[in-house]
């Protein structure tokens, strides 16, 4: 029995290593900004008006999310503007396959149910253990300049928290 557990453990480690290698290759291919680039540790500028530049960032975020989703079909998928080279407070998260939500100037109103969580990031190599909240209320503006206040739970809450960390200049490795 012990031998089987060792073999299964080794297989899992090899599969995780392969996934991480392939993920890293795709990140580079798509032009995702990699640590230690300074933009990833910079507090992003708030969006004051939804102009052509903001529209451009939103479109680029959606396009990159679509490409990542086609490649990995991940449940928890998100990107922040700094990860594609813009120091602005815009993030994108996956709602479902092919449906991505762009949030401008997202602010956490309330959060709870903090738990240990294992996370990865498109701007870093490896897995990282940190605390994440499983429930969040967030206020944001959409691309049509409509204000929203929305509750996020479970996996979407953890993804959203990571993307908000990105626009605050914080990485999962910090």
C-alpha atoms as a PDB file:
ATOM      1  CA  UNK A   1       0.000   0.000   0.000  1.00  0.00           C
ATOM      2  CA  UNK A   2       2.799   2.401   0.912  1.00  0.00           C
ATOM      3  CA  UNK A   3       4.450   1.769  -2.470  1.00  0.00           C
ATOM      4  CA  UNK A   4       1.208   2.634  -4.294  1.00  0.00           C
ATOM      5  CA  UNK A   5       0.806   5.841  -2.335  1.00  0.00           C
ATOM      6  CA  UNK A   6       4.385   6.801  -3.195  1.00  0.00           C
ATOM      7  CA  UNK A   7       3.755   6.105  -6.899  1.00  0.00           C
ATOM      8  CA  UNK A   8       0.504   8.061  -6.876  1.00  0.00           C
ATOM      9  CA  UNK A   9       2.207  10.946  -5.071  1.00  0.00           C
ATOM     10  CA  UNK A  10       5.056  10.957  -7.613  1.00  0.00           C
ATOM     11  CA  UNK A  11       2.553  10.915 -10.484  1.00  0.00           C
ATOM     12  CA  UNK A  12       0.658  13.870  -9.000  1.00  0.00           C
ATOM     13  CA  UNK A  13       3.899  15.843  -8.557  1.00  0.00           C
ATOM     14  CA  UNK A  14       4.931  15.138 -12.177  1.00  0.00           C
ATOM     15  CA  UNK A  15       1.490  16.182 -13.470  1.00  0.00           C
ATOM     16  CA  UNK A  16       1.561  19.412 -11.446  1.00  0.00           C
ATOM     17  CA  UNK A  17       5.083  20.162 -12.706  1.00  0.00           C
ATOM     18  CA  UNK A  18       3.985  19.528 -16.308  1.00  0.00           C
ATOM     19  CA  UNK A  19       0.922  21.753 -15.865  1.00  0.00           C
ATOM     20  CA  UNK A  20       3.043  24.538 -14.370  1.00  0.00           C
ATOM     21  CA  UNK A  21       5.596  24.293 -17.214  1.00  0.00           C
ATOM     22  CA  UNK A  22       2.902  24.404 -19.908  1.00  0.00           C
ATOM     23  CA  UNK A  23       1.083  27.237 -18.124  1.00  0.00           C
ATOM     24  CA  UNK A  24       4.296  29.252 -17.920  1.00  0.00           C
ATOM     25  CA  UNK A  25       4.964  28.728 -21.642  1.00  0.00           C
ATOM     26  CA  UNK A  26       1.463  29.990 -22.492  1.00  0.00           C
ATOM     27  CA  UNK A  27       1.923  33.042 -20.248  1.00  0.00           C
ATOM     28  CA  UNK A  28       5.072  34.033 -22.144  1.00  0.00           C
ATOM     29  CA  UNK A  29       3.380  33.346 -25.492  1.00  0.00           C
ATOM     30  CA  UNK A  30       0.463  35.661 -24.652  1.00  0.00           C
ATOM     31  CA  UNK A  31       2.666  38.477 -23.393  1.00  0.00           C
ATOM     32  CA  UNK A  32       1.571  38.265 -19.759  1.00  0.00           C
ATOM     33  CA  UNK A  33       3.871  40.518 -17.701  1.00  0.00           C
ATOM     34  CA  UNK A  34       6.144  38.401 -15.488  1.00  0.00           C
ATOM     35  CA  UNK A  35       7.599  39.100 -12.046  1.00  0.00           C
ATOM     36  CA  UNK A  36       9.803  40.876 -11.075  1.00  0.00           C
ATOM     37  CA  UNK A  37       8.463  43.591 -13.435  1.00  0.00           C
ATOM     38  CA  UNK A  38       7.880  46.755 -11.355  1.00  0.00           C
ATOM     39  CA  UNK A  39       4.358  47.327 -12.741  1.00  0.00           C
ATOM     40  CA  UNK A  40       3.219  44.259 -10.773  1.00  0.00           C
ATOM     41  CA  UNK A  41       4.242  45.948  -7.500  1.00  0.00           C
ATOM     42  CA  UNK A  42       2.710  49.347  -8.294  1.00  0.00           C
ATOM     43  CA  UNK A  43      -0.637  50.612  -6.997  1.00  0.00           C
ATOM     44  CA  UNK A  44      -2.643  51.134 -10.209  1.00  0.00           C
ATOM     45  CA  UNK A  45      -4.196  54.466 -11.144  1.00  0.00           C
ATOM     46  CA  UNK A  46      -7.987  54.854 -10.796  1.00  0.00           C
ATOM     47  CA  UNK A  47     -10.034  55.240 -13.964  1.00  0.00           C
ATOM     48  CA  UNK A  48     -11.651  58.693 -14.071  1.00  0.00           C
ATOM     49  CA  UNK A  49     -13.523  58.322 -17.347  1.00  0.00           C
ATOM     50  CA  UNK A  50     -14.242  55.479 -19.720  1.00  0.00           C
ATOM     51  CA  UNK A  51     -12.399  56.642 -22.810  1.00  0.00           C
ATOM     52  CA  UNK A  52     -10.773  54.873 -25.775  1.00  0.00           C
ATOM     53  CA  UNK A  53      -7.756  53.812 -23.695  1.00  0.00           C
ATOM     54  CA  UNK A  54      -9.978  52.143 -21.081  1.00  0.00           C
ATOM     55  CA  UNK A  55     -11.968  50.447 -23.862  1.00  0.00           C
ATOM     56  CA  UNK A  56      -8.696  49.202 -25.375  1.00  0.00           C
ATOM     57  CA  UNK A  57      -7.524  47.720 -22.054  1.00  0.00           C
ATOM     58  CA  UNK A  58     -10.921  46.044 -21.523  1.00  0.00           C
ATOM     59  CA  UNK A  59     -10.870  44.483 -25.001  1.00  0.00           C
ATOM     60  CA  UNK A  60      -7.294  43.272 -24.537  1.00  0.00           C
ATOM     61  CA  UNK A  61      -8.135  41.757 -21.131  1.00  0.00           C
ATOM     62  CA  UNK A  62     -11.110  39.903 -22.632  1.00  0.00           C
ATOM     63  CA  UNK A  63      -9.060  38.643 -25.585  1.00  0.00           C
ATOM     64  CA  UNK A  64      -6.307  37.300 -23.329  1.00  0.00           C
ATOM     65  CA  UNK A  65      -8.863  35.704 -20.985  1.00  0.00           C
ATOM     66  CA  UNK A  66     -10.484  34.002 -23.992  1.00  0.00           C
ATOM     67  CA  UNK A  67      -7.133  32.652 -25.195  1.00  0.00           C
ATOM     68  CA  UNK A  68      -6.231  31.384 -21.727  1.00  0.00           C
ATOM     69  CA  UNK A  69      -9.686  29.857 -21.330  1.00  0.00           C
ATOM     70  CA  UNK A  70      -9.475  28.057 -24.683  1.00  0.00           C
ATOM     71  CA  UNK A  71      -6.099  26.630 -23.686  1.00  0.00           C
ATOM     72  CA  UNK A  72      -6.837  25.652 -20.080  1.00  0.00           C
ATOM     73  CA  UNK A  73     -10.621  25.924 -19.582  1.00  0.00           C
ATOM     74  CA  UNK A  74      -9.961  26.873 -15.975  1.00  0.00           C
ATOM     75  CA  UNK A  75     -12.773  27.507 -13.504  1.00  0.00           C
ATOM     76  CA  UNK A  76     -10.923  30.250 -11.669  1.00  0.00           C
ATOM     77  CA  UNK A  77      -9.660  32.582 -14.346  1.00  0.00           C
ATOM     78  CA  UNK A  78      -8.856  36.257 -14.074  1.00  0.00           C
ATOM     79  CA  UNK A  79      -6.419  38.915 -15.236  1.00  0.00           C
ATOM     80  CA  UNK A  80      -5.661  42.448 -14.130  1.00  0.00           C
ATOM     81  CA  UNK A  81      -4.515  45.377 -16.264  1.00  0.00           C
ATOM     82  CA  UNK A  82      -0.971  45.393 -14.764  1.00  0.00           C
ATOM     83  CA  UNK A  83      -0.516  41.811 -16.000  1.00  0.00           C
ATOM     84  CA  UNK A  84      -0.887  43.042 -19.567  1.00  0.00           C
ATOM     85  CA  UNK A  85       1.214  46.172 -19.087  1.00  0.00           C
ATOM     86  CA  UNK A  86      -1.262  48.854 -17.955  1.00  0.00           C
ATOM     87  CA  UNK A  87      -1.112  50.511 -14.530  1.00  0.00           C
ATOM     88  CA  UNK A  88      -4.846  51.109 -14.313  1.00  0.00           C
ATOM     89  CA  UNK A  89      -7.568  49.743 -12.024  1.00  0.00           C
ATOM     90  CA  UNK A  90      -9.273  47.372 -14.470  1.00  0.00           C
ATOM     91  CA  UNK A  91      -9.699  43.626 -14.009  1.00  0.00           C
ATOM     92  CA  UNK A  92     -11.409  40.801 -15.863  1.00  0.00           C
ATOM     93  CA  UNK A  93     -12.750  37.535 -14.477  1.00  0.00           C
ATOM     94  CA  UNK A  94     -14.440  34.531 -16.028  1.00  0.00           C
ATOM     95  CA  UNK A  95     -18.154  34.105 -15.338  1.00  0.00           C
ATOM     96  CA  UNK A  96     -18.497  30.967 -17.458  1.00  0.00           C
ATOM     97  CA  UNK A  97     -16.835  29.617 -20.598  1.00  0.00           C
ATOM     98  CA  UNK A  98     -16.843  32.462 -23.138  1.00  0.00           C
ATOM     99  CA  UNK A  99     -18.350  34.996 -20.707  1.00  0.00           C
ATOM    100  CA  UNK A 100     -15.956  37.432 -19.032  1.00  0.00           C
ATOM    101  CA  UNK A 101     -16.753  40.278 -16.665  1.00  0.00           C
ATOM    102  CA  UNK A 102     -14.747  43.518 -16.824  1.00  0.00           C
ATOM    103  CA  UNK A 103     -14.640  45.595 -13.640  1.00  0.00           C
ATOM    104  CA  UNK A 104     -13.354  49.148 -13.414  1.00  0.00           C
ATOM    105  CA  UNK A 105     -12.180  50.575 -10.071  1.00  0.00           C
ATOM    106  CA  UNK A 106     -13.345  47.527  -8.068  1.00  0.00           C
ATOM    107  CA  UNK A 107     -13.517  48.105  -4.303  1.00  0.00           C
ATOM    108  CA  UNK A 108     -14.098  45.517  -1.595  1.00  0.00           C
ATOM    109  CA  UNK A 109     -17.073  46.628   0.501  1.00  0.00           C
ATOM    110  CA  UNK A 110     -17.137  43.590   2.776  1.00  0.00           C
ATOM    111  CA  UNK A 111     -15.436  40.193   2.963  1.00  0.00           C
ATOM    112  CA  UNK A 112     -15.589  37.136   5.214  1.00  0.00           C
ATOM    113  CA  UNK A 113     -14.844  33.441   5.606  1.00  0.00           C
ATOM    114  CA  UNK A 114     -11.053  33.642   5.302  1.00  0.00           C
ATOM    115  CA  UNK A 115      -9.455  30.226   4.685  1.00  0.00           C
ATOM    116  CA  UNK A 116      -6.028  28.870   3.660  1.00  0.00           C
ATOM    117  CA  UNK A 117      -5.931  28.611  -0.127  1.00  0.00           C
ATOM    118  CA  UNK A 118      -3.501  27.320  -2.774  1.00  0.00           C
ATOM    119  CA  UNK A 119      -3.172  29.684  -5.708  1.00  0.00           C
ATOM    120  CA  UNK A 120      -1.218  30.127  -8.900  1.00  0.00           C
ATOM    121  CA  UNK A 121      -0.722  33.276 -10.939  1.00  0.00           C
ATOM    122  CA  UNK A 122      -0.130  33.953 -14.619  1.00  0.00           C
ATOM    123  CA  UNK A 123       2.641  36.418 -13.681  1.00  0.00           C
ATOM    124  CA  UNK A 124       4.550  33.967 -11.472  1.00  0.00           C
ATOM    125  CA  UNK A 125       5.860  30.436 -11.484  1.00  0.00           C
ATOM    126  CA  UNK A 126       4.695  27.900  -8.923  1.00  0.00           C
ATOM    127  CA  UNK A 127       1.952  27.416  -6.380  1.00  0.00           C
ATOM    128  CA  UNK A 128       1.442  29.714  -3.410  1.00  0.00           C
ATOM    129  CA  UNK A 129      -0.404  29.201  -0.122  1.00  0.00           C
ATOM    130  CA  UNK A 130      -2.178  32.226   1.340  1.00  0.00           C
ATOM    131  CA  UNK A 131      -5.480  33.193   2.931  1.00  0.00           C
ATOM    132  CA  UNK A 132      -8.470  34.019   0.761  1.00  0.00           C
ATOM    133  CA  UNK A 133     -12.027  35.034   1.570  1.00  0.00           C
ATOM    134  CA  UNK A 134     -14.841  32.839   0.290  1.00  0.00           C
ATOM    135  CA  UNK A 135     -17.400  35.674   0.369  1.00  0.00           C
ATOM    136  CA  UNK A 136     -16.966  39.243  -0.881  1.00  0.00           C
ATOM    137  CA  UNK A 137     -19.185  42.205  -1.630  1.00  0.00           C
ATOM    138  CA  UNK A 138     -17.572  44.378  -4.303  1.00  0.00           C
ATOM    139  CA  UNK A 139     -18.481  47.761  -5.787  1.00  0.00           C
ATOM    140  CA  UNK A 140     -17.319  48.462  -9.353  1.00  0.00           C
ATOM    141  CA  UNK A 141     -18.150  50.211 -12.617  1.00  0.00           C
ATOM    142  CA  UNK A 142     -18.730  48.287 -15.843  1.00  0.00           C
ATOM    143  CA  UNK A 143     -17.482  49.258 -19.293  1.00  0.00           C
ATOM    144  CA  UNK A 144     -20.786  51.108 -19.997  1.00  0.00           C
ATOM    145  CA  UNK A 145     -20.165  53.310 -16.932  1.00  0.00           C
ATOM    146  CA  UNK A 146     -22.880  51.637 -14.833  1.00  0.00           C
ATOM    147  CA  UNK A 147     -22.205  51.234 -11.121  1.00  0.00           C
ATOM    148  CA  UNK A 148     -22.685  47.827  -9.465  1.00  0.00           C
ATOM    149  CA  UNK A 149     -22.481  46.268  -6.030  1.00  0.00           C
ATOM    150  CA  UNK A 150     -22.284  42.487  -6.255  1.00  0.00           C
ATOM    151  CA  UNK A 151     -21.674  39.519  -3.972  1.00  0.00           C
ATOM    152  CA  UNK A 152     -19.138  36.884  -5.013  1.00  0.00           C
ATOM    153  CA  UNK A 153     -18.802  33.490  -3.365  1.00  0.00           C
ATOM    154  CA  UNK A 154     -16.396  30.562  -3.284  1.00  0.00           C
ATOM    155  CA  UNK A 155     -14.072  30.276  -6.300  1.00  0.00           C
ATOM    156  CA  UNK A 156     -15.135  33.514  -7.960  1.00  0.00           C
ATOM    157  CA  UNK A 157     -14.472  35.373  -4.694  1.00  0.00           C
ATOM    158  CA  UNK A 158     -10.927  33.991  -4.494  1.00  0.00           C
ATOM    159  CA  UNK A 159     -10.189  34.891  -8.126  1.00  0.00           C
ATOM    160  CA  UNK A 160     -11.623  38.372  -7.668  1.00  0.00           C
ATOM    161  CA  UNK A 161      -9.552  38.923  -4.523  1.00  0.00           C
ATOM    162  CA  UNK A 162      -6.373  37.980  -6.394  1.00  0.00           C
ATOM    163  CA  UNK A 163      -7.128  40.361  -9.264  1.00  0.00           C
ATOM    164  CA  UNK A 164      -7.894  43.205  -6.849  1.00  0.00           C
ATOM    165  CA  UNK A 165      -4.569  42.434  -5.145  1.00  0.00           C
ATOM    166  CA  UNK A 166      -2.882  42.844  -8.557  1.00  0.00           C
ATOM    167  CA  UNK A 167      -4.226  46.370  -9.063  1.00  0.00           C
ATOM    168  CA  UNK A 168      -3.082  47.145  -5.511  1.00  0.00           C
ATOM    169  CA  UNK A 169       0.464  46.035  -6.402  1.00  0.00           C
ATOM    170  CA  UNK A 170       0.310  42.805  -4.378  1.00  0.00           C
ATOM    171  CA  UNK A 171       1.259  39.344  -5.687  1.00  0.00           C
ATOM    172  CA  UNK A 172       0.378  35.939  -4.211  1.00  0.00           C
ATOM    173  CA  UNK A 173       4.087  35.518  -3.445  1.00  0.00           C
ATOM    174  CA  UNK A 174       4.229  38.674  -1.254  1.00  0.00           C
END
